[in-house]
Amino acid sequence: MTFQFESRQTSFALPIFLNSCEFDDTEIVEVARSKLHDVFWQLCSQCEDWQLSDAERRELAKINVRPGVNRA
């Protein structure tokens, strides 16, 4: 099962791999949602104390990753 996340600035798909033979259709959705929760819980715990310094924020602000505008 794949969860698709989209916002104005970010879009990504997160596949959750399960053995579908072990579950019926309703159960597979519940198990996948539980696994998804575990993924985000782990990500949160790994990033809990992570924070950019002022210098790192300034350096990142200098990087222009926005697509350019084509002018005719």
N, C-alpha and C. Protein backbone atom coordinates (compact mmCIF):
# COMPACT_ATOMS: atom_id res chain seq x y z
N MET A 1 0.85 -1.16 0.00
CA MET A 1 0.00 0.00 0.00
C MET A 1 0.91 1.23 0.00
N THR A 2 0.53 2.25 -0.75
CA THR A 2 1.32 3.47 -0.84
C THR A 2 0.48 4.65 -0.39
N PHE A 3 1.05 5.44 0.52
CA PHE A 3 0.42 6.67 0.97
C PHE A 3 1.04 7.82 0.20
N GLN A 4 0.20 8.70 -0.33
CA GLN A 4 0.65 9.86 -1.11
C GLN A 4 0.44 11.11 -0.27
N PHE A 5 1.50 11.90 -0.10
CA PHE A 5 1.44 13.15 0.66
C PHE A 5 1.71 14.30 -0.28
N GLU A 6 0.86 15.31 -0.21
CA GLU A 6 1.03 16.46 -1.10
C GLU A 6 0.70 17.74 -0.37
N SER A 7 1.52 18.74 -0.64
CA SER A 7 1.24 20.10 -0.21
C SER A 7 1.66 21.01 -1.36
N ARG A 8 1.58 22.28 -1.16
CA ARG A 8 1.95 23.19 -2.25
C ARG A 8 3.43 23.07 -2.61
N GLN A 9 4.29 22.78 -1.62
CA GLN A 9 5.72 22.78 -1.87
C GLN A 9 6.34 21.38 -1.93
N THR A 10 5.63 20.39 -1.44
CA THR A 10 6.22 19.06 -1.33
C THR A 10 5.22 18.00 -1.74
N SER A 11 5.74 16.97 -2.38
CA SER A 11 4.92 15.82 -2.75
C SER A 11 5.80 14.58 -2.68
N PHE A 12 5.31 13.55 -1.99
CA PHE A 12 6.06 12.31 -1.95
C PHE A 12 5.13 11.14 -1.67
N ALA A 13 5.56 9.97 -2.10
CA ALA A 13 4.83 8.73 -1.85
C ALA A 13 5.63 7.90 -0.87
N LEU A 14 4.94 7.26 0.05
CA LEU A 14 5.60 6.41 1.03
C LEU A 14 4.98 5.02 0.97
N PRO A 15 5.70 4.07 0.38
CA PRO A 15 5.16 2.70 0.30
C PRO A 15 5.30 1.98 1.64
N ILE A 16 4.28 1.23 1.98
CA ILE A 16 4.30 0.37 3.17
C ILE A 16 4.17 -1.06 2.65
N PHE A 17 5.20 -1.85 2.87
CA PHE A 17 5.23 -3.21 2.33
C PHE A 17 4.66 -4.19 3.36
N LEU A 18 3.63 -4.90 2.95
CA LEU A 18 2.97 -5.89 3.80
C LEU A 18 2.70 -7.15 2.99
N ASN A 19 2.58 -8.26 3.67
CA ASN A 19 2.18 -9.50 3.02
C ASN A 19 0.65 -9.53 2.97
N SER A 20 0.08 -9.19 1.83
CA SER A 20 -1.37 -9.06 1.72
C SER A 20 -2.10 -10.39 1.87
N CYS A 21 -1.40 -11.49 1.77
CA CYS A 21 -2.03 -12.81 1.94
C CYS A 21 -2.46 -13.04 3.39
N GLU A 22 -1.85 -12.30 4.32
CA GLU A 22 -2.13 -12.49 5.74
C GLU A 22 -3.36 -11.72 6.22
N PHE A 23 -3.85 -10.76 5.41
CA PHE A 23 -4.91 -9.86 5.86
C PHE A 23 -6.01 -9.75 4.81
N ASP A 24 -7.24 -9.46 5.27
CA ASP A 24 -8.30 -9.14 4.30
C ASP A 24 -8.19 -7.64 3.97
N ASP A 25 -9.05 -7.14 3.08
CA ASP A 25 -8.94 -5.75 2.61
C ASP A 25 -9.04 -4.73 3.74
N THR A 26 -9.94 -4.93 4.68
CA THR A 26 -10.10 -4.00 5.79
C THR A 26 -8.90 -4.04 6.71
N GLU A 27 -8.43 -5.22 6.99
CA GLU A 27 -7.28 -5.37 7.89
C GLU A 27 -6.02 -4.78 7.29
N ILE A 28 -5.83 -4.92 5.99
CA ILE A 28 -4.60 -4.42 5.36
C ILE A 28 -4.51 -2.90 5.49
N VAL A 29 -5.65 -2.22 5.40
CA VAL A 29 -5.65 -0.76 5.56
C VAL A 29 -5.30 -0.40 7.00
N GLU A 30 -5.86 -1.10 7.96
CA GLU A 30 -5.57 -0.83 9.36
C GLU A 30 -4.10 -1.10 9.69
N VAL A 31 -3.58 -2.20 9.19
CA VAL A 31 -2.18 -2.54 9.45
C VAL A 31 -1.25 -1.53 8.78
N ALA A 32 -1.57 -1.12 7.56
CA ALA A 32 -0.75 -0.14 6.84
C ALA A 32 -0.75 1.20 7.58
N ARG A 33 -1.91 1.62 8.07
CA ARG A 33 -1.99 2.87 8.83
C ARG A 33 -1.16 2.79 10.11
N SER A 34 -1.18 1.64 10.75
CA SER A 34 -0.39 1.43 11.96
C SER A 34 1.10 1.51 11.64
N LYS A 35 1.51 0.88 10.54
CA LYS A 35 2.92 0.92 10.11
C LYS A 35 3.32 2.36 9.76
N LEU A 36 2.41 3.09 9.10
CA LEU A 36 2.67 4.48 8.75
C LEU A 36 2.89 5.30 10.03
N HIS A 37 2.06 5.08 11.02
CA HIS A 37 2.22 5.76 12.30
C HIS A 37 3.61 5.47 12.89
N ASP A 38 4.02 4.21 12.83
CA ASP A 38 5.34 3.82 13.34
C ASP A 38 6.47 4.55 12.61
N VAL A 39 6.33 4.69 11.29
CA VAL A 39 7.36 5.38 10.49
C VAL A 39 7.49 6.83 10.96
N PHE A 40 6.36 7.52 11.11
CA PHE A 40 6.42 8.92 11.52
C PHE A 40 6.87 9.06 12.97
N TRP A 41 6.51 8.13 13.83
CA TRP A 41 6.95 8.15 15.22
C TRP A 41 8.48 8.01 15.27
N GLN A 42 9.05 7.11 14.48
CA GLN A 42 10.49 6.93 14.44
C GLN A 42 11.18 8.18 13.89
N LEU A 43 10.61 8.75 12.84
CA LEU A 43 11.18 9.97 12.25
C LEU A 43 11.17 11.10 13.26
N CYS A 44 10.08 11.24 13.97
CA CYS A 44 9.96 12.28 14.99
C CYS A 44 11.01 12.09 16.08
N SER A 45 11.18 10.88 16.55
CA SER A 45 12.15 10.63 17.62
C SER A 45 13.58 10.86 17.13
N GLN A 46 13.86 10.59 15.87
CA GLN A 46 15.20 10.81 15.33
C GLN A 46 15.51 12.29 15.15
N CYS A 47 14.49 13.11 14.93
CA CYS A 47 14.69 14.53 14.65
C CYS A 47 14.38 15.43 15.85
N GLU A 48 14.04 14.83 16.96
CA GLU A 48 13.56 15.59 18.12
C GLU A 48 14.53 16.70 18.54
N ASP A 49 15.81 16.42 18.61
CA ASP A 49 16.78 17.39 19.09
C ASP A 49 17.52 18.11 17.96
N TRP A 50 17.11 17.88 16.73
CA TRP A 50 17.80 18.46 15.59
C TRP A 50 17.26 19.85 15.29
N GLN A 51 18.16 20.81 15.19
CA GLN A 51 17.75 22.17 14.87
C GLN A 51 18.88 22.85 14.12
N LEU A 52 18.54 23.65 13.12
CA LEU A 52 19.54 24.39 12.36
C LEU A 52 20.06 25.58 13.17
N SER A 53 21.34 25.86 13.01
CA SER A 53 21.91 27.07 13.62
C SER A 53 21.52 28.27 12.76
N ASP A 54 21.73 29.47 13.27
CA ASP A 54 21.46 30.68 12.48
C ASP A 54 22.29 30.70 11.21
N ALA A 55 23.55 30.30 11.32
CA ALA A 55 24.44 30.28 10.13
C ALA A 55 23.93 29.27 9.10
N GLU A 56 23.48 28.10 9.55
CA GLU A 56 22.95 27.09 8.62
C GLU A 56 21.68 27.59 7.94
N ARG A 57 20.83 28.27 8.67
CA ARG A 57 19.60 28.82 8.07
C ARG A 57 19.94 29.88 7.01
N ARG A 58 20.90 30.74 7.32
CA ARG A 58 21.31 31.76 6.34
C ARG A 58 21.88 31.12 5.09
N GLU A 59 22.70 30.08 5.27
CA GLU A 59 23.30 29.38 4.12
C GLU A 59 22.23 28.74 3.25
N LEU A 60 21.25 28.10 3.89
CA LEU A 60 20.16 27.48 3.12
C LEU A 60 19.31 28.52 2.41
N ALA A 61 19.13 29.68 3.03
CA ALA A 61 18.34 30.75 2.41
C ALA A 61 18.99 31.26 1.13
N LYS A 62 20.31 31.13 1.03
CA LYS A 62 21.02 31.58 -0.17
C LYS A 62 20.81 30.66 -1.36
N ILE A 63 20.43 29.43 -1.10
CA ILE A 63 20.25 28.45 -2.17
C ILE A 63 18.89 28.69 -2.82
N ASN A 64 18.90 28.93 -4.11
CA ASN A 64 17.65 29.16 -4.83
C ASN A 64 17.24 27.86 -5.50
N VAL A 65 16.23 27.20 -4.97
CA VAL A 65 15.78 25.94 -5.54
C VAL A 65 14.46 26.09 -6.29
N ARG A 66 13.96 27.29 -6.32
CA ARG A 66 12.70 27.52 -7.03
C ARG A 66 12.96 27.54 -8.54
N PRO A 67 12.05 26.93 -9.31
CA PRO A 67 12.24 26.96 -10.77
C PRO A 67 12.15 28.38 -11.30
N GLY A 68 12.97 28.66 -12.31
CA GLY A 68 12.96 29.98 -12.91
C GLY A 68 11.70 30.20 -13.75
N VAL A 69 11.39 31.44 -13.97
CA VAL A 69 10.22 31.81 -14.77
C VAL A 69 10.70 32.10 -16.19
N ASN A 70 10.11 31.41 -17.15
CA ASN A 70 10.45 31.65 -18.56
C ASN A 70 9.73 32.90 -19.02
N ARG A 71 10.50 33.84 -19.52
CA ARG A 71 9.88 35.08 -20.02
C ARG A 71 10.04 35.13 -21.53
N ALA A 72 8.95 35.40 -22.19
CA ALA A 72 8.96 35.42 -23.66
C ALA A 72 9.39 36.76 -24.19
